[in-house]
């Protein structure tokens, strides 16, 4: 019975993601305020359904559902959804929700395309540190995904301005200054959580394997990702890197995030390659 509810919940999550994306795109083209409000309500509903879906998998599996590729993608989409909604409550960025909703739909389609089977929890993961470390790391990736979406918006707006033909995107995207601030806020939050994720992961590794660092491929790429974002923050505050450079660095950093999350598992393996 619970498994059937779990299946129906995922179908509802996928459907709500499709509807939210379609309505946000309608708003992007029409710029009618009432459509934007409907789109945001649907996205909130999608976030609630994602939460229920994750909880239902927890009830079935008996542990934090983040140990398979399907669960990792869903958890990632959940973190992006709520990171965006929490950001939106404090800041208003024109049409940001449209880009986020497209990103979320892509993530949910990926989640739908991989196996949803439940897997037994490996002994090394049977620890209280699983929800702490994994949860913090995925929250970091959620905010860094927002920085990535903002960077794409920045490059589109800059291209429109440089073309000297102010048309479709110019009237629908925020100013370059607002997008640069968006990048800065999301990067700061994401980097803080990323740092905390590496710290909690090291503590967990010490408990599980007797050493704080294994130089496992996923650990190594996590550190590379951290250094990429640390370099961006350093360049921003010491050399004044802003605008296009910062946007490009956010895209490069997020590519490293994606490789850390999934590429390492399939290409390099290691002790973290259980989530398949």
Protein backbone atom coordinates (compact mmCIF):
# COMPACT_ATOMS: atom_id res chain seq x y z
CA UNK A 1 0.00 0.00 0.00
CA UNK A 2 2.75 2.45 0.98
CA UNK A 3 4.71 1.58 -2.17
CA UNK A 4 1.67 2.42 -4.30
CA UNK A 5 1.26 5.75 -2.49
CA UNK A 6 4.96 6.40 -3.10
CA UNK A 7 4.54 5.75 -6.83
CA UNK A 8 1.51 8.02 -7.05
CA UNK A 9 3.33 10.76 -5.15
CA UNK A 10 6.19 10.73 -7.63
CA UNK A 11 3.74 10.93 -10.52
CA UNK A 12 2.16 13.94 -8.80
CA UNK A 13 5.60 15.55 -8.31
CA UNK A 14 6.47 15.05 -11.96
CA UNK A 15 3.09 16.39 -13.11
CA UNK A 16 3.32 19.45 -10.85
CA UNK A 17 6.85 20.16 -12.15
CA UNK A 18 5.57 20.09 -15.72
CA UNK A 19 2.63 22.38 -14.90
CA UNK A 20 4.81 24.82 -12.92
CA UNK A 21 7.28 25.06 -15.80
CA UNK A 22 4.53 25.59 -18.39
CA UNK A 23 2.82 28.30 -16.33
CA UNK A 24 6.13 30.07 -15.61
CA UNK A 25 6.90 30.03 -19.35
CA UNK A 26 3.45 31.47 -20.05
CA UNK A 27 4.23 34.25 -17.60
CA UNK A 28 7.65 34.79 -19.22
CA UNK A 29 5.99 35.42 -22.56
CA UNK A 30 2.88 37.28 -21.36
CA UNK A 31 4.29 39.09 -18.29
CA UNK A 32 0.85 39.01 -16.66
CA UNK A 33 1.14 39.26 -12.89
CA UNK A 34 -1.80 36.95 -12.15
CA UNK A 35 -0.08 34.14 -14.09
CA UNK A 36 3.11 34.61 -12.05
CA UNK A 37 1.16 34.23 -8.81
CA UNK A 38 -0.44 31.01 -10.06
CA UNK A 39 2.97 29.68 -11.14
CA UNK A 40 4.45 30.37 -7.69
CA UNK A 41 1.54 28.63 -5.97
CA UNK A 42 2.03 25.57 -8.17
CA UNK A 43 5.75 25.56 -7.38
CA UNK A 44 5.01 25.68 -3.65
CA UNK A 45 2.63 22.77 -4.10
CA UNK A 46 5.31 20.90 -6.04
CA UNK A 47 7.76 21.52 -3.19
CA UNK A 48 5.27 20.12 -0.68
CA UNK A 49 4.70 17.05 -2.87
CA UNK A 50 8.46 16.55 -3.13
CA UNK A 51 8.68 16.66 0.66
CA UNK A 52 5.90 14.08 1.00
CA UNK A 53 7.54 11.87 -1.60
CA UNK A 54 10.90 11.95 0.19
CA UNK A 55 9.16 11.22 3.51
CA UNK A 56 7.28 8.27 2.00
CA UNK A 57 10.54 6.77 0.73
CA UNK A 58 11.99 7.26 4.20
CA UNK A 59 9.07 5.36 5.70
CA UNK A 60 9.56 2.49 3.27
CA UNK A 61 13.37 2.31 3.35
CA UNK A 62 13.84 3.17 7.04
CA UNK A 63 16.69 5.58 6.32
CA UNK A 64 17.30 8.94 4.66
CA UNK A 65 16.42 8.37 0.98
CA UNK A 66 19.55 9.71 -0.66
CA UNK A 67 21.51 6.55 -1.44
CA UNK A 68 20.49 5.94 -5.08
CA UNK A 69 20.72 8.10 -8.18
CA UNK A 70 16.93 8.54 -8.28
CA UNK A 71 16.83 9.64 -4.65
CA UNK A 72 19.83 11.94 -5.10
CA UNK A 73 18.20 13.72 -8.05
CA UNK A 74 14.88 14.10 -6.24
CA UNK A 75 16.62 15.38 -3.11
CA UNK A 76 18.59 17.80 -5.30
CA UNK A 77 15.41 19.07 -6.96
CA UNK A 78 13.81 19.44 -3.52
CA UNK A 79 16.75 21.53 -2.29
CA UNK A 80 16.63 23.76 -5.39
CA UNK A 81 12.87 24.26 -4.98
CA UNK A 82 13.05 25.34 -1.36
CA UNK A 83 16.28 27.30 -1.81
CA UNK A 84 14.51 29.30 -4.52
CA UNK A 85 11.34 29.79 -2.46
CA UNK A 86 13.34 30.90 0.59
CA UNK A 87 15.35 33.26 -1.62
CA UNK A 88 12.20 34.65 -3.22
CA UNK A 89 10.72 35.53 0.15
CA UNK A 90 13.67 37.88 0.76
CA UNK A 91 14.55 39.08 -2.73
CA UNK A 92 12.57 39.73 -5.88
CA UNK A 93 14.40 38.92 -9.12
CA UNK A 94 12.46 39.38 -12.34
CA UNK A 95 11.59 36.07 -14.07
CA UNK A 96 14.07 34.08 -12.00
CA UNK A 97 11.35 31.50 -11.32
CA UNK A 98 11.06 30.68 -15.03
CA UNK A 99 14.68 29.57 -15.29
CA UNK A 100 14.48 27.68 -11.99
CA UNK A 101 11.30 25.87 -13.05
CA UNK A 102 12.93 24.71 -16.31
CA UNK A 103 15.92 23.42 -14.34
CA UNK A 104 13.62 21.59 -11.92
CA UNK A 105 11.68 19.96 -14.74
CA UNK A 106 14.92 18.67 -16.26
CA UNK A 107 15.91 17.21 -12.88
CA UNK A 108 12.56 15.50 -12.39
CA UNK A 109 12.66 14.04 -15.90
CA UNK A 110 16.09 12.60 -15.07
CA UNK A 111 14.69 11.18 -11.82
CA UNK A 112 11.85 9.58 -13.79
CA UNK A 113 14.28 7.99 -16.24
CA UNK A 114 16.36 6.04 -13.69
CA UNK A 115 15.44 3.12 -11.44
CA UNK A 116 13.25 3.91 -8.42
CA UNK A 117 14.09 0.62 -6.70
CA UNK A 118 14.97 0.60 -3.03
CA UNK A 119 18.42 -0.65 -2.04
CA UNK A 120 19.69 -1.90 1.34
CA UNK A 121 21.79 0.62 3.22
CA UNK A 122 25.54 -0.25 3.08
CA UNK A 123 27.11 -0.68 6.55
CA UNK A 124 29.30 2.40 6.11
CA UNK A 125 26.20 4.56 5.65
CA UNK A 126 24.38 3.32 8.75
CA UNK A 127 25.14 6.43 10.77
CA UNK A 128 23.44 9.53 12.09
CA UNK A 129 25.89 11.44 9.89
CA UNK A 130 24.08 10.30 6.71
CA UNK A 131 21.18 12.79 6.94
CA UNK A 132 23.46 15.50 8.36
CA UNK A 133 26.24 15.31 5.78
CA UNK A 134 24.10 14.46 2.76
CA UNK A 135 21.42 17.00 3.68
CA UNK A 136 23.92 19.86 4.10
CA UNK A 137 25.75 18.94 0.88
CA UNK A 138 22.54 18.84 -1.17
CA UNK A 139 21.41 22.18 0.29
CA UNK A 140 24.74 23.62 -0.86
CA UNK A 141 24.14 22.26 -4.34
CA UNK A 142 20.64 23.77 -4.30
CA UNK A 143 21.93 27.31 -3.76
CA UNK A 144 24.78 26.79 -6.23
CA UNK A 145 22.19 25.68 -8.80
CA UNK A 146 20.42 29.01 -8.26
CA UNK A 147 23.73 30.80 -8.89
CA UNK A 148 24.04 28.77 -12.10
CA UNK A 149 20.55 29.80 -13.26
CA UNK A 150 21.33 33.42 -12.43
CA UNK A 151 24.60 33.18 -14.39
CA UNK A 152 22.75 31.96 -17.48
CA UNK A 153 20.34 34.88 -17.14
CA UNK A 154 23.29 37.28 -16.83
CA UNK A 155 24.94 35.99 -20.01
CA UNK A 156 21.64 36.20 -21.93
CA UNK A 157 21.06 39.78 -20.79
CA UNK A 158 24.64 40.81 -21.55
CA UNK A 159 24.40 39.26 -25.03
CA UNK A 160 21.19 41.20 -25.65
CA UNK A 161 22.81 44.46 -24.55
CA UNK A 162 25.95 43.92 -26.61
CA UNK A 163 23.91 43.12 -29.70
CA UNK A 164 22.47 46.65 -29.42
CA UNK A 165 19.09 45.26 -30.38
CA UNK A 166 17.10 45.48 -27.17
CA UNK A 167 14.33 42.99 -27.68
CA UNK A 168 12.77 39.89 -26.17
CA UNK A 169 15.16 39.10 -23.31
CA UNK A 170 16.06 42.69 -22.40
CA UNK A 171 12.51 43.52 -21.36
CA UNK A 172 12.07 40.26 -19.43
CA UNK A 173 15.36 39.88 -17.56
CA UNK A 174 16.64 41.89 -14.57
CA UNK A 175 19.47 44.39 -14.86
CA UNK A 176 23.04 43.09 -14.94
CA UNK A 177 23.61 44.61 -11.51
CA UNK A 178 20.64 42.75 -10.00
CA UNK A 179 21.79 39.46 -11.56
CA UNK A 180 25.32 39.98 -10.24
CA UNK A 181 23.88 40.52 -6.75
CA UNK A 182 21.80 37.37 -7.17
CA UNK A 183 24.95 35.44 -8.04
CA UNK A 184 26.71 36.85 -4.99
CA UNK A 185 23.93 35.98 -2.50
CA UNK A 186 23.43 32.43 -3.82
CA UNK A 187 27.16 31.81 -3.99
CA UNK A 188 27.66 32.95 -0.39
CA UNK A 189 24.92 30.64 0.93
CA UNK A 190 26.00 27.71 -1.24
CA UNK A 191 29.67 28.03 -0.31
CA UNK A 192 28.84 28.15 3.41
CA UNK A 193 26.81 24.93 3.16
CA UNK A 194 29.47 23.35 0.92
CA UNK A 195 32.14 24.04 3.53
CA UNK A 196 29.94 22.58 6.25
CA UNK A 197 29.29 19.54 4.05
CA UNK A 198 33.02 18.84 3.69
CA UNK A 199 33.54 19.24 7.44
CA UNK A 200 30.70 16.87 8.36
CA UNK A 201 31.87 14.41 5.72
CA UNK A 202 35.36 14.39 7.22
CA UNK A 203 33.98 13.76 10.71
CA UNK A 204 31.85 10.92 9.36
CA UNK A 205 34.84 9.43 7.50
CA UNK A 206 36.84 9.47 10.75
CA UNK A 207 34.10 7.49 12.48
CA UNK A 208 33.52 5.05 9.62
CA UNK A 209 37.04 4.40 8.34
CA UNK A 210 39.37 5.81 11.00
CA UNK A 211 40.72 8.68 8.90
CA UNK A 212 39.42 12.13 8.06
CA UNK A 213 40.31 11.94 4.37
CA UNK A 214 40.66 9.04 1.92
CA UNK A 215 41.41 10.92 -1.28
CA UNK A 216 38.54 8.94 -2.74
CA UNK A 217 37.51 10.33 -6.20
CA UNK A 218 34.31 11.89 -4.85
CA UNK A 219 36.14 13.43 -1.89
CA UNK A 220 38.80 14.77 -4.25
CA UNK A 221 36.25 16.31 -6.62
CA UNK A 222 34.34 17.78 -3.69
CA UNK A 223 37.56 19.52 -2.69
CA UNK A 224 38.18 20.68 -6.28
CA UNK A 225 34.64 22.11 -6.36
CA UNK A 226 35.23 23.84 -3.04
CA UNK A 227 38.46 25.42 -4.34
CA UNK A 228 36.72 26.62 -7.51
CA UNK A 229 34.09 28.46 -5.49
CA UNK A 230 36.64 29.65 -2.92
CA UNK A 231 38.68 31.11 -5.78
CA UNK A 232 35.59 32.89 -7.12
CA UNK A 233 34.81 34.40 -3.74
CA UNK A 234 38.46 35.43 -3.28
CA UNK A 235 38.60 37.06 -6.72
CA UNK A 236 35.33 38.87 -6.10
CA UNK A 237 36.43 40.46 -2.85
CA UNK A 238 40.13 41.06 -3.60
CA UNK A 239 40.24 41.76 -7.35
CA UNK A 240 36.66 42.90 -7.79
CA UNK A 241 35.62 40.08 -10.13
CA UNK A 242 32.01 40.71 -11.00
CA UNK A 243 29.71 40.55 -13.96
CA UNK A 244 30.58 38.20 -16.82
CA UNK A 245 33.65 36.70 -15.14
CA UNK A 246 31.67 35.83 -12.04
CA UNK A 247 28.85 34.37 -14.16
CA UNK A 248 31.27 32.18 -16.12
CA UNK A 249 32.93 31.02 -12.90
CA UNK A 250 29.52 30.08 -11.49
CA UNK A 251 28.84 27.94 -14.56
CA UNK A 252 32.27 26.27 -14.36
CA UNK A 253 31.79 25.63 -10.63
CA UNK A 254 28.36 24.13 -11.17
CA UNK A 255 29.71 21.80 -13.86
CA UNK A 256 32.12 20.58 -11.18
CA UNK A 257 29.16 20.14 -8.80
CA UNK A 258 27.36 17.96 -11.35
CA UNK A 259 30.47 15.88 -11.97
CA UNK A 260 30.96 15.47 -8.22
CA UNK A 261 27.36 14.33 -7.77
CA UNK A 262 27.06 11.95 -10.72
CA UNK A 263 30.06 11.90 -13.03
CA UNK A 264 32.45 10.55 -10.41
CA UNK A 265 30.14 7.60 -9.70
CA UNK A 266 30.11 6.38 -13.29
CA UNK A 267 33.57 7.45 -14.47
CA UNK A 268 35.89 7.13 -11.48
CA UNK A 269 34.08 4.87 -8.98
CA UNK A 270 35.46 4.70 -5.44
CA UNK A 271 33.94 4.07 -2.02
CA UNK A 272 31.19 6.62 -2.69
CA UNK A 273 29.95 4.84 -5.83
CA UNK A 274 27.09 3.06 -4.06
CA UNK A 275 24.47 5.53 -5.32
CA UNK A 276 23.69 4.05 -8.73
